[in-house]
Amino acid sequence: MKSRASRWVCSPSPCSFFKTCMAQIPRDWFWSEEDVKFTPSRKAGMELKDEARLRREGVKIIMEIGKQLKLKTNPTLASAAVFFHRFYMVQKFQDFPRELTALGCLFLAGKVEETPKKCRDLVVLAKTRFDILYNKHRNLQDEVMGIERILLKTLNFDLFVDHPYKYLLSYVNKFGFPHDDTKQIVQTGWTFINDSLGTIISLCWEPQIIAIAFCRLSLTMHKLEQKVKDQWWDEYVTNLPIEMIEEICHRVLDYYGIVQQETYDFIPKDVPGQEGSPSLQAAS
């Protein structure tokens, strides 16, 4: 597996604004934990906790509308969430409202993952389900098309996202557990991956490492960790410290503690999950 080197890319652009954007993007799309504390929004005066909440809200919008459109988390909604997080490592929430960016990411991810939805259908659903958010946008369809263009330029047209799901499946299957145990581990680990999309985990760690962390957490939850060899992950990622694995696990567990206390004023009360409870359920 490639190491996380500090390589930076500056791609040519007709606009100096986007030249500046490109200079901020690491070639491998992974930032240090220090970098994610000093995003453009933070530098413009936003508190860390406020940015974290806007990120959660943006991903919540992606998930709610995406599921209404019958899109699967893997890969479409996961890609949309990653686009969303990457976008705000370059742009500011103060300039681009999270509800508009969320729709743009969903629209773009549908094309990228070959599950396209018409922009009109996306807009109609958004306005129907979340009128508090979207009815203030008079020309929402045009705005979504516009933010898609800004997304493409901000992301340097680099739209490939490698998700942890396939690595999780590969690691678990190699354990050779009975079918029921394998199914339990995969479902729980899969759900951890889904829920981690509301955090910046995908910005800081490679998908293989995320898969290892959530596989280990799932093994622990189902009391199966003693049935696998110590540091089984060395076969896949060498010299991976246990502290890094535990940090990723703590991040998603901390996320559950936060969302249990949150409510979303823009979500109608008939929409499941309004209370912000974690989605520990069957993988989708």
Protein backbone atom coordinates (compact mmCIF):
# COMPACT_ATOMS: atom_id res chain seq x y z
CA MET A 1 0.00 0.00 0.00
CA LYS A 2 1.28 3.45 -0.84
CA SER A 3 2.48 5.58 2.00
CA ARG A 4 0.79 8.89 2.68
CA ALA A 5 3.37 11.30 1.30
CA SER A 6 2.93 15.05 1.36
CA ARG A 7 2.60 15.48 -2.39
CA TRP A 8 0.83 18.52 -3.75
CA VAL A 9 -0.58 19.23 -7.17
CA CYS A 10 -1.05 22.57 -8.92
CA SER A 11 -3.07 22.07 -12.09
CA PRO A 12 -3.41 24.80 -14.71
CA SER A 13 -6.69 26.69 -14.71
CA PRO A 14 -7.94 29.73 -16.57
CA CYS A 15 -8.99 31.22 -13.27
CA SER A 16 -6.50 32.22 -10.57
CA PHE A 17 -9.14 31.36 -7.97
CA PHE A 18 -9.10 27.72 -8.98
CA LYS A 19 -5.31 27.74 -9.24
CA THR A 20 -5.30 28.62 -5.56
CA CYS A 21 -7.78 25.81 -4.88
CA MET A 22 -5.63 23.24 -6.64
CA ALA A 23 -2.59 24.26 -4.64
CA GLN A 24 -4.41 23.23 -1.46
CA ILE A 25 -5.21 19.68 -2.59
CA PRO A 26 -2.89 16.80 -1.64
CA ARG A 27 -2.42 14.48 -4.58
CA ASP A 28 -3.66 11.45 -2.64
CA TRP A 29 -6.66 13.32 -1.12
CA PHE A 30 -5.59 12.69 2.47
CA TRP A 31 -4.94 15.48 4.92
CA SER A 32 -3.16 15.39 8.27
CA GLU A 33 -5.26 15.66 11.41
CA GLU A 34 -3.75 19.09 11.93
CA ASP A 35 -4.80 20.23 8.45
CA VAL A 36 -8.44 19.29 8.99
CA LYS A 37 -8.54 21.58 12.02
CA PHE A 38 -7.63 24.59 9.89
CA THR A 39 -9.95 24.47 6.92
CA PRO A 40 -10.92 27.53 4.85
CA SER A 41 -14.12 27.83 6.92
CA ARG A 42 -12.11 27.79 10.14
CA LYS A 43 -9.68 30.38 8.81
CA ALA A 44 -12.68 32.56 7.99
CA GLY A 45 -13.78 32.49 11.62
CA MET A 46 -16.02 29.43 11.96
CA GLU A 47 -15.73 27.38 15.15
CA LEU A 48 -14.57 23.78 14.78
CA LYS A 49 -17.76 22.40 16.35
CA ASP A 50 -19.92 24.47 14.00
CA GLU A 51 -18.08 23.21 10.94
CA ALA A 52 -18.35 19.63 12.18
CA ARG A 53 -22.11 20.06 12.59
CA LEU A 54 -22.49 21.51 9.08
CA ARG A 55 -20.57 18.53 7.72
CA ARG A 56 -22.92 16.15 9.55
CA GLU A 57 -25.95 18.05 8.30
CA GLY A 58 -24.71 18.02 4.71
CA VAL A 59 -24.16 14.27 4.78
CA LYS A 60 -27.54 13.80 6.47
CA ILE A 61 -29.19 15.63 3.56
CA ILE A 62 -27.30 13.46 1.07
CA MET A 63 -28.40 10.29 2.83
CA GLU A 64 -32.04 11.27 3.29
CA ILE A 65 -32.58 12.44 -0.28
CA GLY A 66 -30.44 9.65 -1.73
CA LYS A 67 -32.44 6.95 0.00
CA GLN A 68 -35.67 8.55 -1.21
CA LEU A 69 -34.22 8.22 -4.72
CA LYS A 70 -33.45 4.55 -3.95
CA LEU A 71 -29.70 5.06 -4.28
CA LYS A 72 -27.39 2.72 -2.37
CA THR A 73 -24.82 3.94 0.11
CA ASN A 74 -22.15 1.91 -1.65
CA PRO A 75 -21.08 3.45 -3.88
CA THR A 76 -23.24 6.47 -4.76
CA LEU A 77 -24.09 8.04 -1.42
CA ALA A 78 -20.65 7.30 -0.02
CA SER A 79 -19.02 9.00 -3.01
CA ALA A 80 -21.33 12.00 -2.62
CA ALA A 81 -20.36 12.29 1.06
CA VAL A 82 -16.64 12.12 0.25
CA PHE A 83 -17.05 14.77 -2.46
CA PHE A 84 -18.81 16.94 0.12
CA HIS A 85 -16.01 16.63 2.69
CA ARG A 86 -13.27 17.18 0.10
CA PHE A 87 -15.03 20.25 -1.27
CA TYR A 88 -14.97 21.97 2.11
CA MET A 89 -11.27 21.33 2.51
CA VAL A 90 -10.87 23.86 -0.30
CA GLN A 91 -14.00 26.03 -0.15
CA LYS A 92 -15.81 27.74 2.74
CA PHE A 93 -19.23 27.02 4.21
CA GLN A 94 -19.58 30.79 4.41
CA ASP A 95 -19.54 30.92 0.58
CA PHE A 96 -21.42 27.76 -0.33
CA PRO A 97 -24.42 26.64 1.78
CA ARG A 98 -24.26 23.02 2.81
CA GLU A 99 -27.76 22.19 1.47
CA LEU A 100 -26.83 23.31 -2.05
CA THR A 101 -23.45 21.58 -2.03
CA ALA A 102 -25.11 18.39 -0.75
CA LEU A 103 -27.47 18.33 -3.75
CA GLY A 104 -24.61 19.06 -6.12
CA CYS A 105 -22.56 16.21 -4.67
CA LEU A 106 -25.50 13.83 -4.94
CA PHE A 107 -26.18 14.84 -8.53
CA LEU A 108 -22.50 14.47 -9.47
CA ALA A 109 -22.02 11.15 -7.65
CA GLY A 110 -25.00 9.69 -9.50
CA LYS A 111 -23.23 10.34 -12.78
CA VAL A 112 -19.83 9.18 -11.57
CA GLU A 113 -21.16 5.89 -10.14
CA GLU A 114 -23.45 5.25 -13.12
CA THR A 115 -26.65 5.66 -11.11
CA PRO A 116 -27.76 9.01 -12.56
CA LYS A 117 -30.87 10.87 -11.50
CA LYS A 118 -32.43 13.77 -13.35
CA CYS A 119 -31.65 17.12 -11.78
CA ARG A 120 -35.34 18.01 -11.92
CA ASP A 121 -36.28 14.89 -9.91
CA LEU A 122 -33.62 15.69 -7.35
CA VAL A 123 -34.87 19.25 -6.97
CA VAL A 124 -38.55 18.30 -6.73
CA LEU A 125 -37.81 15.76 -4.02
CA ALA A 126 -35.58 18.16 -2.10
CA LYS A 127 -38.23 20.87 -2.10
CA THR A 128 -40.97 18.42 -1.17
CA ARG A 129 -39.16 16.77 1.71
CA PHE A 130 -37.12 19.70 3.01
CA ASP A 131 -39.08 22.80 2.12
CA ILE A 132 -37.54 24.78 5.00
CA LEU A 133 -34.14 24.42 3.37
CA TYR A 134 -34.89 24.61 -0.31
CA ASN A 135 -37.90 26.82 -0.90
CA LYS A 136 -35.71 29.87 -0.35
CA HIS A 137 -33.80 28.89 -3.49
CA ARG A 138 -35.84 30.36 -6.36
CA ASN A 139 -33.92 28.69 -9.18
CA LEU A 140 -32.74 25.57 -7.43
CA GLN A 141 -32.28 23.47 -10.55
CA ASP A 142 -29.98 26.09 -12.07
CA GLU A 143 -28.14 26.42 -8.76
CA VAL A 144 -27.53 22.67 -8.59
CA MET A 145 -26.15 22.69 -12.14
CA GLY A 146 -23.95 25.63 -11.17
CA ILE A 147 -22.58 24.07 -7.99
CA GLU A 148 -21.83 20.89 -9.95
CA ARG A 149 -19.48 22.89 -12.19
CA ILE A 150 -17.80 24.43 -9.15
CA LEU A 151 -17.46 20.97 -7.60
CA LEU A 152 -15.78 19.62 -10.70
CA LYS A 153 -13.26 22.45 -10.78
CA THR A 154 -12.65 22.39 -7.04
CA LEU A 155 -12.06 18.63 -7.10
CA ASN A 156 -9.78 19.07 -10.12
CA PHE A 157 -12.05 16.67 -12.07
CA ASP A 158 -10.54 13.86 -9.97
CA LEU A 159 -13.68 11.91 -9.12
CA PHE A 160 -12.39 8.45 -8.27
CA VAL A 161 -13.16 7.41 -4.70
CA ASP A 162 -11.87 4.14 -3.23
CA HIS A 163 -14.26 3.06 -0.47
CA PRO A 164 -13.55 0.69 2.47
CA TYR A 165 -16.46 -1.68 1.76
CA LYS A 166 -14.66 -4.08 -0.58
CA TYR A 167 -11.67 -4.29 1.77
CA LEU A 168 -13.94 -5.09 4.70
CA LEU A 169 -15.54 -7.95 2.76
CA SER A 170 -12.14 -9.31 1.72
CA TYR A 171 -10.68 -9.20 5.24
CA VAL A 172 -13.69 -10.84 6.89
CA ASN A 173 -14.02 -13.60 4.31
CA LYS A 174 -10.40 -14.62 4.86
CA PHE A 175 -11.10 -15.34 8.54
CA GLY A 176 -13.05 -18.42 7.52
CA PHE A 177 -15.80 -17.97 10.13
CA PRO A 178 -19.16 -19.76 9.85
CA HIS A 179 -21.70 -17.97 7.65
CA ASP A 180 -23.69 -16.42 10.50
CA ASP A 181 -20.59 -14.99 12.19
CA THR A 182 -19.28 -13.65 8.90
CA LYS A 183 -22.60 -12.00 8.17
CA GLN A 184 -22.70 -10.33 11.59
CA ILE A 185 -19.18 -8.98 11.34
CA VAL A 186 -19.73 -7.63 7.83
CA GLN A 187 -23.06 -6.00 8.66
CA THR A 188 -21.74 -4.26 11.75
CA GLY A 189 -18.50 -3.18 10.08
CA TRP A 190 -20.45 -2.00 7.03
CA THR A 191 -22.67 0.13 9.26
CA PHE A 192 -19.64 1.68 10.95
CA ILE A 193 -18.36 2.66 7.50
CA ASN A 194 -21.74 4.15 6.57
CA ASP A 195 -21.94 6.16 9.76
CA SER A 196 -18.33 7.33 9.54
CA LEU A 197 -19.32 9.25 6.40
CA GLY A 198 -20.71 11.92 8.71
CA THR A 199 -17.20 12.48 10.03
CA ILE A 200 -13.89 13.49 8.44
CA ILE A 201 -12.45 9.98 8.77
CA SER A 202 -12.36 9.58 4.98
CA LEU A 203 -10.15 12.69 4.75
CA CYS A 204 -7.49 11.40 7.13
CA TRP A 205 -7.14 7.66 6.56
CA GLU A 206 -6.94 5.33 3.59
CA PRO A 207 -9.89 2.97 2.94
CA GLN A 208 -7.84 -0.12 3.78
CA ILE A 209 -7.02 1.29 7.22
CA ILE A 210 -10.64 2.32 7.82
CA ALA A 211 -11.78 -1.19 6.89
CA ILE A 212 -9.26 -2.75 9.28
CA ALA A 213 -10.34 -0.48 12.13
CA PHE A 214 -14.05 -1.18 11.73
CA CYS A 215 -13.46 -4.88 11.15
CA ARG A 216 -11.57 -5.02 14.44
CA LEU A 217 -14.30 -3.03 16.21
CA SER A 218 -16.93 -5.37 14.82
CA LEU A 219 -14.96 -8.42 15.95
CA THR A 220 -14.77 -6.92 19.42
CA MET A 221 -18.48 -6.16 19.54
CA HIS A 222 -19.35 -9.73 18.59
CA LYS A 223 -16.71 -11.18 20.96
CA LEU A 224 -14.84 -12.88 18.15
CA GLU A 225 -11.52 -11.06 18.40
CA GLN A 226 -9.91 -13.93 20.28
CA LYS A 227 -10.60 -16.24 17.34
CA VAL A 228 -8.26 -14.38 14.99
CA LYS A 229 -4.49 -14.03 15.25
CA ASP A 230 -2.91 -10.97 16.81
CA GLN A 231 -2.34 -8.09 14.40
CA TRP A 232 -3.99 -10.00 11.56
CA TRP A 233 -3.92 -6.78 9.54
CA ASP A 234 -0.14 -7.01 8.99
CA GLU A 235 -0.97 -9.14 5.95
CA TYR A 236 -2.64 -6.12 4.35
CA VAL A 237 -0.97 -3.02 5.81
CA THR A 238 2.47 -3.31 7.36
CA ASN A 239 3.57 -1.35 10.41
CA LEU A 240 0.06 -0.15 11.17
CA PRO A 241 0.06 0.99 14.81
CA ILE A 242 -2.76 -0.14 17.05
CA GLU A 243 -3.10 3.47 18.24
CA MET A 244 -4.19 4.55 14.75
CA ILE A 245 -6.81 1.80 14.61
CA GLU A 246 -8.14 2.79 18.02
CA GLU A 247 -8.25 6.46 17.05
CA ILE A 248 -10.50 5.69 14.07
CA CYS A 249 -12.78 3.56 16.24
CA HIS A 250 -13.01 6.30 18.85
CA ARG A 251 -13.92 8.80 16.15
CA VAL A 252 -17.00 6.89 15.07
CA LEU A 253 -18.00 6.05 18.65
CA ASP A 254 -17.68 9.73 19.58
CA TYR A 255 -19.86 10.53 16.56
CA TYR A 256 -22.63 8.35 17.97
CA GLY A 257 -22.49 10.23 21.24
CA ILE A 258 -22.84 13.55 19.42
CA VAL A 259 -25.67 12.64 17.05
CA GLN A 260 -27.74 11.11 19.83
CA GLN A 261 -28.07 14.64 21.22
CA GLU A 262 -28.73 16.37 17.90
CA THR A 263 -31.96 17.24 16.16
CA TYR A 264 -32.32 18.58 12.65
CA ASP A 265 -34.89 21.34 12.31
CA PHE A 266 -34.97 20.98 8.53
CA ILE A 267 -36.04 17.31 8.63
CA PRO A 268 -39.80 16.66 8.87
CA LYS A 269 -40.79 14.71 11.95
CA ASP A 270 -42.08 11.82 9.85
CA VAL A 271 -38.61 11.13 8.46
CA PRO A 272 -36.93 8.22 10.33
CA GLY A 273 -33.81 9.11 12.26
CA GLN A 274 -34.91 12.65 13.15
CA GLU A 275 -33.56 12.17 16.66
CA GLY A 276 -30.10 11.66 15.22
CA SER A 277 -29.71 8.15 16.59
CA PRO A 278 -26.92 6.04 15.09
CA SER A 279 -27.92 3.75 12.26
CA LEU A 280 -26.65 0.45 13.66
CA GLN A 281 -28.75 -1.75 11.45
CA ALA A 282 -28.38 -4.05 8.46
CA ALA A 283 -25.96 -2.85 5.83
CA SER A 284 -27.36 -1.33 2.67
